[in-house]
Amino acid sequence: MRRWLPLLLALGAVAACGPTYPKARVAQAVVERCRAEYHLEAKAVLEGNTLAVLLPAAHLFESPVTITSETDVRLLNQQLKFSSEGMDQLQHVALIVRRVVLSTDAPIEFYLVMIRDAEGGQIELRWLGHILDLKRLNAMDISQGEFLKYRSVIYFRAVPAAGARRTIEQLFEDVRRRAPVPTIAKHFSSQADLRSLLPFLVEQMVPASRPGEGMATLAEIRTRHVGSETVLVFARALVPSMGAQPVREQGYYFVVEMGELHGVIRQVIPVALRPFPDATLGRWLIPQGFARYGPPERWGEEEFFMERVQLPAFLAEQVARRVRVDLAARPAMAGLAVVGEYAGDVFQFQFRLGHAAPKHAISPRQGAEPDPATPQGLATVLAQTTATVVRSYEFAGFKRVVITEADSGATWAVTAEQLPLYRVHHTLLVPAVAS
């Protein structure tokens, strides 16, 4: 927790004042303040109830960061060390965001600060918080420890656009080296439209099958993050030609669905050069449905996608984080994984213990403290934590809480009416749902 203390101090340093930044200029105000006060080039956007800020930070870490297939993103929080310059940039942006969100008439509920490693562009720190918590911190209604340890959702993640770029680069490399078809097929989603994939594969692989000739060269890649897990990639290839010119330019739009580190291609759309380049429309004939993203020549690597944060989803992630943080120090809980989401008026949590649970675990007596090292006990802890969190934010628009152990499929459920009982730790264990 100490590593985030400078950022915490920046967020809570000054008491809130009256509205200074009108809604129409709140995002631009963040950009201008960062540039004027700290010479930082940030990007900001207000989307509904959420203010998002992206700062590409130079010299963010003490050592360069490279994402590989072996990287465990969940461990980056322990592995990465900020440089003094990087920590200064974190503090500066946090101070600007705090000042703006507490001094505007915009109906902001959430702030999302993204600090991206400018050197490698592969990893970013995300800090998601609720304005109510920031106000309560300033009013000393909650402690600094409570705010930092529980209320703020802080995590590292791989930059989706960088992962999508690696996916397309590896695809062209596999084609270039004439990799087996099963290897090439792994780059494509099982739900991919074969009608869009076959022309690309035929155009690339048939010429490449001729020894010593026909090798397509990847000349340019541009990316645009267009959905929470979707990245649009434009690739310009130099393709051998039998015509008067030995090489011709060919463009492709790839729709890539990203996981934590790796992406799969859902769609490929060949694009041709315009007969006459247009200063406004660009060099390429943009496919139908993609015009809103503009010409690919103008896509910037530092563009980012964001959507407004929904309170239930924020609460689900906060519950999962609280449980992970509280249990992380216990030796018996090493390897614990907990994730949460909200869908269809239901909080849904899934967990996996880092050890094999006893086959014949003894059920605790009524009123005993739950043992989180057992599936039943951890399910109870999740119910207790959910009850505490939803009451703290006065959220009542849900129907039930469903908790599942990933390995066994065992499931527990609590209705919204039953959940308040679990705010008291010594209460009945969550009943298992009969399968």
Protein backbone atom coordinates (compact mmCIF):
# COMPACT_ATOMS: atom_id res chain seq x y z
CA MET A 1 0.00 0.00 0.00
CA ARG A 2 2.90 2.41 0.70
CA ARG A 3 3.86 2.50 -3.00
CA TRP A 4 0.58 4.31 -3.79
CA LEU A 5 0.82 6.80 -0.91
CA PRO A 6 2.13 9.73 -3.07
CA LEU A 7 -0.79 9.27 -5.44
CA LEU A 8 -3.19 9.13 -2.51
CA LEU A 9 -1.80 12.36 -1.07
CA ALA A 10 -2.24 14.07 -4.42
CA LEU A 11 -5.86 12.96 -4.65
CA GLY A 12 -6.68 14.17 -1.16
CA ALA A 13 -4.35 17.10 -0.78
CA VAL A 14 -6.68 20.06 -1.15
CA ALA A 15 -10.20 20.67 0.05
CA ALA A 16 -12.88 20.83 -2.62
CA CYS A 17 -13.95 24.23 -3.87
CA GLY A 18 -16.87 25.61 -5.88
CA PRO A 19 -17.45 24.81 -9.57
CA THR A 20 -14.57 26.16 -11.64
CA TYR A 21 -14.63 23.93 -14.70
CA PRO A 22 -17.94 23.86 -16.63
CA LYS A 23 -19.16 20.57 -18.07
CA ALA A 24 -18.49 21.64 -21.65
CA ARG A 25 -14.76 22.09 -20.94
CA VAL A 26 -14.03 19.62 -18.18
CA ALA A 27 -12.02 17.18 -20.33
CA GLN A 28 -10.14 19.98 -22.05
CA ALA A 29 -9.41 21.52 -18.65
CA VAL A 30 -7.53 18.38 -17.58
CA VAL A 31 -5.44 18.49 -20.77
CA GLU A 32 -4.69 22.19 -20.40
CA ARG A 33 -3.80 21.98 -16.70
CA CYS A 34 -1.45 19.03 -17.28
CA ARG A 35 0.30 20.92 -20.07
CA ALA A 36 0.47 24.30 -18.35
CA GLU A 37 1.49 23.16 -14.87
CA TYR A 38 3.62 20.07 -15.52
CA HIS A 39 4.39 20.03 -19.28
CA LEU A 40 2.58 16.70 -19.61
CA GLU A 41 0.67 15.79 -22.77
CA ALA A 42 -2.43 13.95 -21.57
CA LYS A 43 -5.65 13.04 -23.34
CA ALA A 44 -9.04 13.23 -21.65
CA VAL A 45 -12.64 12.49 -22.51
CA LEU A 46 -15.92 12.80 -20.62
CA GLU A 47 -18.26 9.93 -21.47
CA GLY A 48 -21.55 10.21 -19.61
CA ASN A 49 -20.76 9.90 -15.91
CA THR A 50 -17.09 9.01 -16.38
CA LEU A 51 -14.02 11.21 -16.85
CA ALA A 52 -11.14 9.25 -18.38
CA VAL A 53 -7.58 10.53 -18.61
CA LEU A 54 -4.69 8.90 -20.46
CA LEU A 55 -1.08 9.96 -19.93
CA PRO A 56 1.72 8.36 -21.96
CA ALA A 57 4.48 8.62 -19.35
CA ALA A 58 8.17 8.63 -20.26
CA HIS A 59 10.57 6.69 -18.01
CA LEU A 60 7.64 5.31 -16.01
CA PHE A 61 9.49 2.27 -14.67
CA GLU A 62 13.02 1.70 -13.42
CA SER A 63 13.53 -1.02 -16.05
CA PRO A 64 12.00 -1.49 -19.54
CA VAL A 65 8.84 -3.62 -19.63
CA THR A 66 8.31 -6.24 -22.31
CA ILE A 67 5.14 -8.32 -22.57
CA THR A 68 5.63 -11.91 -23.76
CA SER A 69 3.49 -15.03 -23.92
CA GLU A 70 4.90 -15.97 -20.52
CA THR A 71 3.89 -12.72 -18.77
CA ASP A 72 1.47 -13.05 -15.86
CA VAL A 73 -0.29 -9.69 -15.76
CA ARG A 74 -1.66 -10.44 -12.28
CA LEU A 75 1.88 -10.42 -10.88
CA LEU A 76 2.94 -7.12 -12.43
CA ASN A 77 1.87 -5.17 -9.35
CA GLN A 78 4.59 -6.93 -7.37
CA GLN A 79 7.20 -6.96 -10.14
CA LEU A 80 7.12 -3.44 -11.58
CA LYS A 81 9.01 -0.62 -9.88
CA PHE A 82 8.24 3.00 -10.70
CA SER A 83 11.07 5.39 -11.33
CA SER A 84 11.13 8.66 -9.38
CA GLU A 85 10.18 10.49 -12.59
CA GLY A 86 7.34 8.05 -13.18
CA MET A 87 5.98 8.53 -9.66
CA ASP A 88 6.13 12.31 -10.11
CA GLN A 89 4.00 12.03 -13.24
CA LEU A 90 1.48 9.86 -11.39
CA GLN A 91 1.20 12.47 -8.64
CA HIS A 92 0.85 15.37 -11.06
CA VAL A 93 -1.98 13.78 -13.04
CA ALA A 94 -3.75 12.64 -9.87
CA LEU A 95 -3.65 16.18 -8.49
CA ILE A 96 -5.08 17.67 -11.69
CA VAL A 97 -7.87 15.07 -11.86
CA ARG A 98 -8.78 15.61 -8.21
CA ARG A 99 -8.91 19.36 -8.66
CA VAL A 100 -11.08 19.20 -11.76
CA VAL A 101 -13.59 16.55 -10.70
CA LEU A 102 -14.23 18.30 -7.38
CA SER A 103 -14.60 21.71 -9.04
CA THR A 104 -17.00 21.11 -11.91
CA ASP A 105 -20.73 21.14 -12.47
CA ALA A 106 -20.48 18.07 -14.73
CA PRO A 107 -22.38 15.07 -13.27
CA ILE A 108 -19.24 12.96 -12.91
CA GLU A 109 -19.54 9.80 -10.83
CA PHE A 110 -16.32 8.00 -11.78
CA TYR A 111 -12.80 8.93 -12.77
CA LEU A 112 -10.46 6.61 -14.66
CA VAL A 113 -6.77 7.50 -14.79
CA MET A 114 -4.59 5.54 -17.20
CA ILE A 115 -0.82 5.92 -17.06
CA ARG A 116 0.77 4.20 -20.04
CA ASP A 117 4.41 3.24 -20.41
CA ALA A 118 5.43 5.54 -23.27
CA GLU A 119 8.61 3.66 -24.10
CA GLY A 120 7.22 0.21 -24.80
CA GLY A 121 3.55 1.12 -25.03
CA GLN A 122 2.67 -2.38 -23.82
CA ILE A 123 1.52 -1.86 -20.24
CA GLU A 124 -0.55 0.70 -18.36
CA LEU A 125 -1.62 1.39 -14.81
CA ARG A 126 -5.35 1.94 -14.29
CA TRP A 127 -6.83 3.76 -11.33
CA LEU A 128 -10.64 3.68 -11.17
CA GLY A 129 -12.50 5.51 -8.42
CA HIS A 130 -15.88 6.87 -7.38
CA ILE A 131 -16.32 10.60 -6.78
CA LEU A 132 -18.30 9.87 -3.61
CA ASP A 133 -15.25 8.16 -2.10
CA LEU A 134 -13.00 11.07 -3.05
CA LYS A 135 -15.40 13.51 -1.36
CA ARG A 136 -15.61 11.30 1.72
CA LEU A 137 -11.82 11.15 1.87
CA ASN A 138 -11.58 14.94 1.71
CA ALA A 139 -14.22 15.19 4.45
CA MET A 140 -12.28 12.60 6.52
CA ASP A 141 -15.36 10.38 6.55
CA ILE A 142 -13.18 7.46 5.44
CA SER A 143 -9.53 6.86 6.23
CA GLN A 144 -6.66 7.00 3.77
CA GLY A 145 -6.14 3.28 4.30
CA GLU A 146 -9.78 2.50 3.54
CA PHE A 147 -9.69 4.69 0.43
CA LEU A 148 -6.49 3.23 -0.98
CA LYS A 149 -6.83 -0.39 0.05
CA TYR A 150 -10.49 -0.96 -0.74
CA ARG A 151 -12.25 1.90 -2.46
CA SER A 152 -9.83 2.39 -5.34
CA VAL A 153 -9.58 -0.22 -8.07
CA ILE A 154 -5.91 -0.15 -9.09
CA TYR A 155 -4.39 -2.63 -11.49
CA PHE A 156 -1.98 -3.08 -14.38
CA ARG A 157 -3.12 -4.35 -17.74
CA ALA A 158 -1.60 -5.02 -21.11
CA VAL A 159 -2.52 -2.35 -23.67
CA PRO A 160 -5.07 -3.99 -26.04
CA ALA A 161 -3.83 -2.13 -29.14
CA ALA A 162 -0.28 -3.37 -28.55
CA GLY A 163 -1.52 -6.94 -28.17
CA ALA A 164 -3.55 -6.69 -31.38
CA ARG A 165 -0.48 -5.38 -33.21
CA ARG A 166 1.53 -8.39 -32.02
CA THR A 167 -1.24 -10.71 -33.24
CA ILE A 168 -1.12 -9.35 -36.78
CA GLU A 169 2.68 -9.21 -36.87
CA GLN A 170 2.84 -12.87 -35.82
CA LEU A 171 0.25 -13.83 -38.44
CA PHE A 172 2.30 -12.31 -41.26
CA GLU A 173 5.48 -13.84 -39.84
CA ASP A 174 3.88 -17.30 -39.77
CA VAL A 175 2.74 -16.85 -43.38
CA ARG A 176 6.22 -15.64 -44.39
CA ARG A 177 7.92 -18.69 -42.90
CA ARG A 178 5.27 -21.03 -44.38
CA ALA A 179 4.06 -22.27 -41.01
CA PRO A 180 1.65 -25.23 -40.97
CA VAL A 181 -2.01 -24.41 -41.51
CA PRO A 182 -2.98 -25.35 -37.89
CA THR A 183 -0.44 -22.81 -36.62
CA ILE A 184 -1.87 -20.07 -38.82
CA ALA A 185 -5.43 -21.07 -37.89
CA LYS A 186 -4.72 -20.34 -34.20
CA HIS A 187 -4.68 -16.63 -35.01
CA PHE A 188 -8.36 -16.73 -36.00
CA SER A 189 -11.47 -16.91 -33.86
CA SER A 190 -13.60 -20.05 -34.06
CA GLN A 191 -16.52 -17.68 -34.80
CA ALA A 192 -14.66 -15.92 -37.62
CA ASP A 193 -16.45 -15.39 -40.92
CA LEU A 194 -14.77 -17.81 -43.34
CA ARG A 195 -16.00 -15.78 -46.31
CA SER A 196 -13.75 -12.94 -45.18
CA LEU A 197 -10.80 -15.12 -44.19
CA LEU A 198 -10.41 -17.31 -47.25
CA PRO A 199 -9.53 -14.53 -49.74
CA PHE A 200 -6.80 -13.29 -47.40
CA LEU A 201 -5.36 -16.76 -46.83
CA VAL A 202 -5.44 -17.63 -50.51
CA GLU A 203 -3.81 -14.36 -51.52
CA GLN A 204 -1.05 -14.75 -48.94
CA MET A 205 -0.39 -18.48 -48.88
CA VAL A 206 -0.65 -19.45 -52.53
CA PRO A 207 2.12 -17.09 -53.71
CA ALA A 208 4.14 -17.91 -50.61
CA SER A 209 4.08 -21.59 -51.57
CA ARG A 210 6.30 -20.88 -54.60
CA PRO A 211 9.92 -21.34 -53.47
CA GLY A 212 11.99 -18.17 -53.60
CA GLU A 213 9.17 -15.82 -54.59
CA GLY A 214 5.79 -14.49 -53.60
CA MET A 215 6.64 -13.41 -50.05
CA ALA A 216 4.24 -10.69 -48.88
CA THR A 217 5.92 -8.02 -46.78
CA LEU A 218 4.18 -6.26 -43.91
CA ALA A 219 4.96 -2.58 -44.48
CA GLU A 220 2.76 -0.75 -41.97
CA ILE A 221 0.41 -1.39 -39.05
CA ARG A 222 -1.99 1.04 -37.41
CA THR A 223 -4.41 0.29 -34.60
CA ARG A 224 -7.57 1.76 -33.14
CA HIS A 225 -9.21 0.56 -29.93
CA VAL A 226 -12.94 0.53 -30.80
CA GLY A 227 -14.55 -1.64 -28.09
CA SER A 228 -13.85 -2.83 -24.58
CA GLU A 229 -12.15 -5.94 -26.00
CA THR A 230 -12.07 -5.07 -29.71
CA VAL A 231 -9.21 -3.51 -31.66
CA LEU A 232 -9.34 -2.53 -35.31
CA VAL A 233 -6.01 -3.09 -37.08
CA PHE A 234 -5.05 -1.73 -40.47
CA ALA A 235 -2.18 -3.52 -42.21
CA ARG A 236 -0.49 -2.36 -45.40
CA ALA A 237 1.24 -5.20 -47.22
CA LEU A 238 3.54 -5.22 -50.23
CA VAL A 239 2.35 -8.13 -52.35
CA PRO A 240 4.32 -9.59 -55.29
CA SER A 241 2.52 -8.99 -58.58
CA MET A 242 2.67 -10.53 -62.05
CA GLY A 243 1.81 -7.17 -63.67
CA ALA A 244 4.00 -4.35 -64.89
CA GLN A 245 4.95 -3.45 -61.36
CA PRO A 246 6.59 -6.30 -59.43
CA VAL A 247 5.03 -5.19 -56.13
CA ARG A 248 1.63 -3.71 -55.35
CA GLU A 249 0.16 -2.26 -52.17
CA GLN A 250 -2.69 -4.13 -50.51
CA GLY A 251 -4.56 -3.03 -47.40
CA TYR A 252 -6.44 -5.11 -44.83
CA TYR A 253 -8.74 -4.29 -41.94
CA PHE A 254 -8.52 -6.88 -39.16
CA VAL A 255 -11.09 -6.98 -36.36
CA VAL A 256 -9.23 -8.46 -33.37
CA GLU A 257 -10.87 -9.64 -30.16
CA MET A 258 -8.43 -9.31 -27.28
CA GLY A 259 -7.99 -11.44 -24.21
CA GLU A 260 -5.69 -10.57 -21.32
CA LEU A 261 -2.57 -10.84 -23.51
CA HIS A 262 -3.48 -12.48 -26.80
CA GLY A 263 -5.94 -11.68 -29.55
CA VAL A 264 -7.82 -13.67 -32.18
CA ILE A 265 -8.95 -12.35 -35.55
CA ARG A 266 -12.69 -12.27 -36.04
CA GLN A 267 -12.84 -10.63 -39.46
CA VAL A 268 -10.54 -9.68 -42.35
CA ILE A 269 -11.57 -7.07 -44.93
CA PRO A 270 -9.31 -6.39 -47.95
CA VAL A 271 -9.19 -2.71 -48.90
CA ALA A 272 -7.93 -1.17 -52.12
CA LEU A 273 -6.24 2.14 -52.87
CA ARG A 274 -8.43 4.98 -54.07
CA PRO A 275 -7.99 5.70 -57.79
CA PHE A 276 -7.35 9.30 -56.83
CA PRO A 277 -6.07 10.01 -53.26
CA ASP A 278 -8.28 12.38 -51.31
CA ALA A 279 -6.89 14.81 -48.73
CA THR A 280 -9.97 14.29 -46.54
CA LEU A 281 -10.83 10.64 -47.13
CA GLY A 282 -7.26 9.32 -47.29
CA ARG A 283 -5.56 6.87 -49.65
CA TRP A 284 -7.74 3.82 -48.98
CA LEU A 285 -11.33 2.89 -49.79
CA ILE A 286 -12.74 2.55 -46.29
CA PRO A 287 -15.03 -0.50 -45.84
CA GLN A 288 -18.71 0.04 -45.20
CA GLY A 289 -19.42 0.48 -41.51
CA PHE A 290 -15.93 1.70 -40.64
CA ALA A 291 -16.08 5.28 -41.93
CA ARG A 292 -16.75 6.64 -38.40
CA TYR A 293 -13.19 5.71 -37.43
CA GLY A 294 -11.69 7.89 -40.16
CA PRO A 295 -8.83 7.12 -42.56
CA PRO A 296 -6.32 4.67 -41.05
CA GLU A 297 -3.46 7.04 -41.87
CA ARG A 298 -4.78 9.31 -39.13
CA TRP A 299 -5.14 6.72 -36.39
CA GLY A 300 -2.91 7.54 -33.46
CA GLU A 301 -1.23 4.98 -31.23
CA GLU A 302 -2.23 6.97 -28.14
CA GLU A 303 -5.96 6.99 -28.91
CA PHE A 304 -7.97 5.05 -26.36
CA PHE A 305 -11.42 3.59 -26.03
CA MET A 306 -13.54 4.12 -22.97
CA GLU A 307 -17.14 3.68 -22.03
CA ARG A 308 -19.01 5.03 -19.07
CA VAL A 309 -18.52 3.07 -15.88
CA GLN A 310 -21.63 1.43 -14.44
CA LEU A 311 -21.94 1.40 -10.64
CA PRO A 312 -22.89 -2.32 -10.36
CA ALA A 313 -19.86 -3.39 -12.40
CA PHE A 314 -17.64 -1.14 -10.26
CA LEU A 315 -19.05 -2.69 -7.09
CA ALA A 316 -18.52 -6.25 -8.38
CA GLU A 317 -14.87 -5.49 -9.11
CA GLN A 318 -14.45 -3.79 -5.73
CA VAL A 319 -15.87 -6.83 -3.90
CA ALA A 320 -13.47 -9.16 -5.72
CA ARG A 321 -10.56 -6.81 -4.99
CA ARG A 322 -11.42 -6.54 -1.29
CA VAL A 323 -11.46 -10.30 -0.92
CA ARG A 324 -8.18 -10.73 -2.80
CA VAL A 325 -6.48 -8.00 -0.74
CA ASP A 326 -7.75 -9.27 2.61
CA LEU A 327 -6.72 -12.87 1.98
CA ALA A 328 -3.48 -12.33 0.04
CA ALA A 329 -1.26 -12.41 3.13
CA ARG A 330 -2.53 -15.79 4.35
CA PRO A 331 -0.18 -18.62 3.34
CA ALA A 332 -3.13 -20.99 2.85
CA MET A 333 -4.62 -18.60 0.25
CA ALA A 334 -1.62 -18.44 -2.09
CA GLY A 335 -2.82 -18.72 -5.67
CA LEU A 336 -6.36 -17.53 -4.90
CA ALA A 337 -8.21 -16.11 -7.92
CA VAL A 338 -11.46 -14.16 -7.58
CA VAL A 339 -13.31 -12.30 -10.34
CA GLY A 340 -16.63 -10.48 -10.29
CA GLU A 341 -19.10 -9.09 -12.78
CA TYR A 342 -22.65 -7.82 -12.94
CA ALA A 343 -25.15 -9.02 -15.53
CA GLY A 344 -28.92 -9.29 -15.66
CA ASP A 345 -29.47 -7.73 -12.22
CA VAL A 346 -27.19 -10.35 -10.66
CA PHE A 347 -23.79 -10.04 -9.01
CA GLN A 348 -21.75 -12.99 -10.25
CA PHE A 349 -18.51 -14.10 -8.62
CA GLN A 350 -16.22 -16.94 -9.56
CA PHE A 351 -13.26 -18.16 -7.54
CA ARG A 352 -10.54 -20.75 -7.64
CA LEU A 353 -8.62 -21.75 -4.54
CA GLY A 354 -4.88 -22.13 -4.96
CA HIS A 355 -4.99 -25.56 -3.30
CA ALA A 356 -7.13 -28.67 -3.37
CA ALA A 357 -10.05 -28.37 -0.98
CA PRO A 358 -10.61 -31.32 1.42
CA LYS A 359 -12.96 -33.87 -0.06
CA HIS A 360 -14.81 -34.24 3.23
CA ALA A 361 -14.58 -30.83 4.83
CA ILE A 362 -16.25 -30.52 8.21
CA SER A 363 -19.08 -27.99 8.16
CA PRO A 364 -18.50 -25.23 10.71
CA ARG A 365 -21.00 -24.87 13.52
CA GLN A 366 -23.64 -22.20 13.26
CA GLY A 367 -22.22 -18.77 14.04
CA ALA A 368 -18.59 -19.78 13.55
CA GLU A 369 -16.21 -17.57 11.60
CA PRO A 370 -16.09 -18.88 7.99
CA ASP A 371 -12.83 -20.48 6.85
CA PRO A 372 -11.93 -18.93 3.45
CA ALA A 373 -9.57 -21.83 2.75
CA THR A 374 -12.69 -23.94 2.06
CA PRO A 375 -15.10 -23.34 -0.83
CA GLN A 376 -18.07 -22.90 1.53
CA GLY A 377 -16.13 -20.48 3.69
CA LEU A 378 -14.87 -18.38 0.79
CA ALA A 379 -18.38 -18.21 -0.67
CA THR A 380 -19.57 -16.87 2.68
CA VAL A 381 -16.78 -14.27 2.76
CA LEU A 382 -17.82 -13.11 -0.70
CA ALA A 383 -21.44 -12.79 0.43
CA GLN A 384 -20.38 -10.84 3.53
CA THR A 385 -18.18 -8.50 1.51
CA THR A 386 -20.91 -7.92 -1.08
CA ALA A 387 -23.37 -7.04 1.68
CA THR A 388 -20.94 -4.48 3.11
CA VAL A 389 -20.11 -2.89 -0.25
CA VAL A 390 -23.65 -2.53 -1.63
CA ARG A 391 -24.79 -0.96 1.64
CA SER A 392 -21.87 1.49 1.62
CA TYR A 393 -22.90 2.74 -1.84
CA GLU A 394 -26.64 2.42 -1.14
CA PHE A 395 -27.16 0.23 -4.18
CA ALA A 396 -30.39 -1.78 -4.20
CA GLY A 397 -31.12 -2.46 -7.86
CA PHE A 398 -30.10 -6.12 -7.92
CA LYS A 399 -31.96 -9.41 -7.46
CA ARG A 400 -29.37 -11.83 -6.08
CA VAL A 401 -25.73 -12.78 -5.66
CA VAL A 402 -24.42 -15.96 -7.30
CA ILE A 403 -21.03 -17.42 -6.33
CA THR A 404 -19.35 -20.29 -8.18
CA GLU A 405 -16.25 -22.37 -7.54
CA ALA A 406 -14.59 -22.69 -10.93
CA ASP A 407 -13.11 -26.17 -10.55
CA SER A 408 -16.07 -28.07 -9.08
CA GLY A 409 -18.89 -25.93 -10.41
CA ALA A 410 -20.42 -25.72 -6.92
CA THR A 411 -22.71 -22.71 -6.71
CA TRP A 412 -24.15 -20.64 -3.86
CA ALA A 413 -26.86 -18.00 -4.14
CA VAL A 414 -28.27 -15.27 -1.92
CA THR A 415 -31.26 -13.10 -2.74
CA ALA A 416 -31.18 -9.34 -2.32
CA GLU A 417 -33.56 -9.69 0.63
CA GLN A 418 -31.27 -12.21 2.38
CA LEU A 419 -28.00 -10.39 1.74
CA PRO A 420 -28.18 -7.89 4.67
CA LEU A 421 -27.92 -10.86 7.07
CA TYR A 422 -24.34 -11.38 5.92
CA ARG A 423 -23.11 -7.98 7.08
CA VAL A 424 -22.68 -9.71 10.44
CA HIS A 425 -19.67 -12.03 10.18
CA HIS A 426 -21.02 -14.70 12.54
CA THR A 427 -24.00 -15.76 10.52
CA LEU A 428 -25.26 -18.78 8.64
CA LEU A 429 -23.15 -20.04 5.77
CA VAL A 430 -24.38 -19.45 2.25
CA PRO A 431 -26.54 -22.41 1.22
CA ALA A 432 -25.28 -24.37 -1.77
CA VAL A 433 -27.53 -24.57 -4.82
CA ALA A 434 -28.50 -28.13 -5.63
CA SER A 435 -27.12 -29.26 -8.97
